[in-house]
Amino acid sequence: MGELIHDGRPTACAGDAAFAYVDAHTEHANIGFFFGAFLDDPAGLLQGAGKRMRHIKLRTSRMPDEAALSELIIAAYHDIRRRLDETRL
């Protein structure tokens, strides 16, 4: 796994493929997932209605469940690895 800055945002990658980013705002921060619409989200943390992308808002007054957030990050990593493997077949 690697990191880079893409469009001014810290971005997590698996190989050459980005799967998550962090975006800081004045009142909150977002953790975004490039293929978040395809992730299982039993805790209902993901927001957004885009075709592929979803994000989680982090606010000091209301932080998400840490275990559920960790599971989404791991799931996003496994999802992008699967997508990379499928393109190599």
C-alpha atoms as a PDB file:
ATOM      1  CA  MET A   1       0.000   0.000   0.000  1.00  0.00           C
ATOM      2  CA  GLY A   2       1.254   3.472  -0.790  1.00  0.00           C
ATOM      3  CA  GLU A   3       0.290   7.071  -0.309  1.00  0.00           C
ATOM      4  CA  LEU A   4       0.424  10.092  -2.555  1.00  0.00           C
ATOM      5  CA  ILE A   5      -1.065  13.548  -2.911  1.00  0.00           C
ATOM      6  CA  HIS A   6      -3.771  13.629  -5.620  1.00  0.00           C
ATOM      7  CA  ASP A   7      -5.717  16.828  -6.312  1.00  0.00           C
ATOM      8  CA  GLY A   8      -4.210  18.246  -3.119  1.00  0.00           C
ATOM      9  CA  ARG A   9      -5.545  15.410  -0.945  1.00  0.00           C
ATOM     10  CA  PRO A  10      -3.614  12.625   0.803  1.00  0.00           C
ATOM     11  CA  THR A  11      -4.599   9.468  -1.059  1.00  0.00           C
ATOM     12  CA  ALA A  12      -4.103   5.791  -0.188  1.00  0.00           C
ATOM     13  CA  CYS A  13      -3.224   3.460  -3.050  1.00  0.00           C
ATOM     14  CA  ALA A  14      -2.823  -0.236  -3.710  1.00  0.00           C
ATOM     15  CA  GLY A  15      -0.188  -0.379  -6.393  1.00  0.00           C
ATOM     16  CA  ASP A  16      -1.104   2.366  -8.848  1.00  0.00           C
ATOM     17  CA  ALA A  17      -4.802   2.395  -7.933  1.00  0.00           C
ATOM     18  CA  ALA A  18      -6.218   4.903  -5.467  1.00  0.00           C
ATOM     19  CA  PHE A  19      -8.899   3.600  -3.108  1.00  0.00           C
ATOM     20  CA  ALA A  20      -9.286   6.229  -0.357  1.00  0.00           C
ATOM     21  CA  TYR A  21      -8.492   9.865   0.398  1.00  0.00           C
ATOM     22  CA  VAL A  22      -8.682  12.380   3.240  1.00  0.00           C
ATOM     23  CA  ASP A  23     -10.114  15.850   2.698  1.00  0.00           C
ATOM     24  CA  ALA A  24      -9.975  18.522   5.423  1.00  0.00           C
ATOM     25  CA  HIS A  25     -12.625  21.236   5.735  1.00  0.00           C
ATOM     26  CA  THR A  26     -13.128  23.969   8.338  1.00  0.00           C
ATOM     27  CA  GLU A  27     -15.798  22.125  10.339  1.00  0.00           C
ATOM     28  CA  HIS A  28     -15.070  18.500   9.464  1.00  0.00           C
ATOM     29  CA  ALA A  29     -12.864  16.081   7.551  1.00  0.00           C
ATOM     30  CA  ASN A  30     -13.896  13.441   5.033  1.00  0.00           C
ATOM     31  CA  ILE A  31     -12.515  10.004   4.420  1.00  0.00           C
ATOM     32  CA  GLY A  32     -13.568   9.183   0.893  1.00  0.00           C
ATOM     33  CA  PHE A  33     -13.650   5.894  -0.977  1.00  0.00           C
ATOM     34  CA  PHE A  34     -13.364   5.900  -4.763  1.00  0.00           C
ATOM     35  CA  PHE A  35     -15.520   2.747  -5.057  1.00  0.00           C
ATOM     36  CA  GLY A  36     -17.482   3.315  -1.841  1.00  0.00           C
ATOM     37  CA  ALA A  37     -20.845   2.685  -3.508  1.00  0.00           C
ATOM     38  CA  PHE A  38     -19.838  -0.970  -3.842  1.00  0.00           C
ATOM     39  CA  LEU A  39     -18.752  -1.502  -0.220  1.00  0.00           C
ATOM     40  CA  ASP A  40     -20.849  -3.248   2.403  1.00  0.00           C
ATOM     41  CA  ASP A  41     -21.643  -0.695   5.086  1.00  0.00           C
ATOM     42  CA  PRO A  42     -23.619  -2.400   7.875  1.00  0.00           C
ATOM     43  CA  ALA A  43     -22.976   0.516  10.273  1.00  0.00           C
ATOM     44  CA  GLY A  44     -24.397   3.035   7.761  1.00  0.00           C
ATOM     45  CA  LEU A  45     -21.346   5.312   7.873  1.00  0.00           C
ATOM     46  CA  LEU A  46     -21.059   6.113   4.169  1.00  0.00           C
ATOM     47  CA  GLN A  47     -22.647   9.241   2.751  1.00  0.00           C
ATOM     48  CA  GLY A  48     -23.145  10.424  -0.805  1.00  0.00           C
ATOM     49  CA  ALA A  49     -25.165   9.488  -3.826  1.00  0.00           C
ATOM     50  CA  GLY A  50     -22.544   9.386  -6.559  1.00  0.00           C
ATOM     51  CA  LYS A  51     -22.269   6.564  -9.040  1.00  0.00           C
ATOM     52  CA  ARG A  52     -19.100   5.202  -7.391  1.00  0.00           C
ATOM     53  CA  MET A  53     -17.747   7.427  -4.629  1.00  0.00           C
ATOM     54  CA  ARG A  54     -18.852   7.649  -0.995  1.00  0.00           C
ATOM     55  CA  HIS A  55     -17.389   9.386   2.045  1.00  0.00           C
ATOM     56  CA  ILE A  56     -17.555   9.483   5.821  1.00  0.00           C
ATOM     57  CA  LYS A  57     -17.684  12.824   7.635  1.00  0.00           C
ATOM     58  CA  LEU A  58     -15.517  13.110  10.719  1.00  0.00           C
ATOM     59  CA  ARG A  59     -16.569  15.732  13.262  1.00  0.00           C
ATOM     60  CA  THR A  60     -15.126  16.183  16.717  1.00  0.00           C
ATOM     61  CA  SER A  61     -18.673  16.230  18.091  1.00  0.00           C
ATOM     62  CA  ARG A  62     -19.648  12.961  16.385  1.00  0.00           C
ATOM     63  CA  MET A  63     -16.931  10.508  15.442  1.00  0.00           C
ATOM     64  CA  PRO A  64     -17.830   7.211  13.743  1.00  0.00           C
ATOM     65  CA  ASP A  65     -17.359   3.848  15.407  1.00  0.00           C
ATOM     66  CA  GLU A  66     -13.645   3.134  15.098  1.00  0.00           C
ATOM     67  CA  ALA A  67     -14.062  -0.584  14.389  1.00  0.00           C
ATOM     68  CA  ALA A  68     -16.656   0.055  11.661  1.00  0.00           C
ATOM     69  CA  LEU A  69     -14.408   2.687  10.064  1.00  0.00           C
ATOM     70  CA  SER A  70     -11.426   0.312  10.143  1.00  0.00           C
ATOM     71  CA  GLU A  71     -13.523  -2.408   8.510  1.00  0.00           C
ATOM     72  CA  LEU A  72     -14.508  -0.038   5.679  1.00  0.00           C
ATOM     73  CA  ILE A  73     -10.894   0.947   5.046  1.00  0.00           C
ATOM     74  CA  ILE A  74      -9.839  -2.704   4.937  1.00  0.00           C
ATOM     75  CA  ALA A  75     -12.801  -3.577   2.700  1.00  0.00           C
ATOM     76  CA  ALA A  76     -11.908  -0.725   0.317  1.00  0.00           C
ATOM     77  CA  TYR A  77      -8.331  -1.995   0.109  1.00  0.00           C
ATOM     78  CA  HIS A  78      -9.457  -5.559  -0.627  1.00  0.00           C
ATOM     79  CA  ASP A  79     -11.970  -4.272  -3.183  1.00  0.00           C
ATOM     80  CA  ILE A  80      -9.340  -2.346  -5.152  1.00  0.00           C
ATOM     81  CA  ARG A  81      -6.939  -5.311  -5.006  1.00  0.00           C
ATOM     82  CA  ARG A  82      -9.689  -7.530  -6.445  1.00  0.00           C
ATOM     83  CA  ARG A  83     -10.379  -4.983  -9.190  1.00  0.00           C
ATOM     84  CA  LEU A  84      -6.673  -4.834 -10.037  1.00  0.00           C
ATOM     85  CA  ASP A  85      -6.441  -8.631 -10.178  1.00  0.00           C
ATOM     86  CA  GLU A  86      -9.479  -8.802 -12.479  1.00  0.00           C
ATOM     87  CA  THR A  87      -7.919  -6.346 -14.940  1.00  0.00           C
ATOM     88  CA  ARG A  88      -4.784  -8.503 -15.152  1.00  0.00           C
ATOM     89  CA  LEU A  89      -6.640 -11.668 -16.171  1.00  0.00           C
END
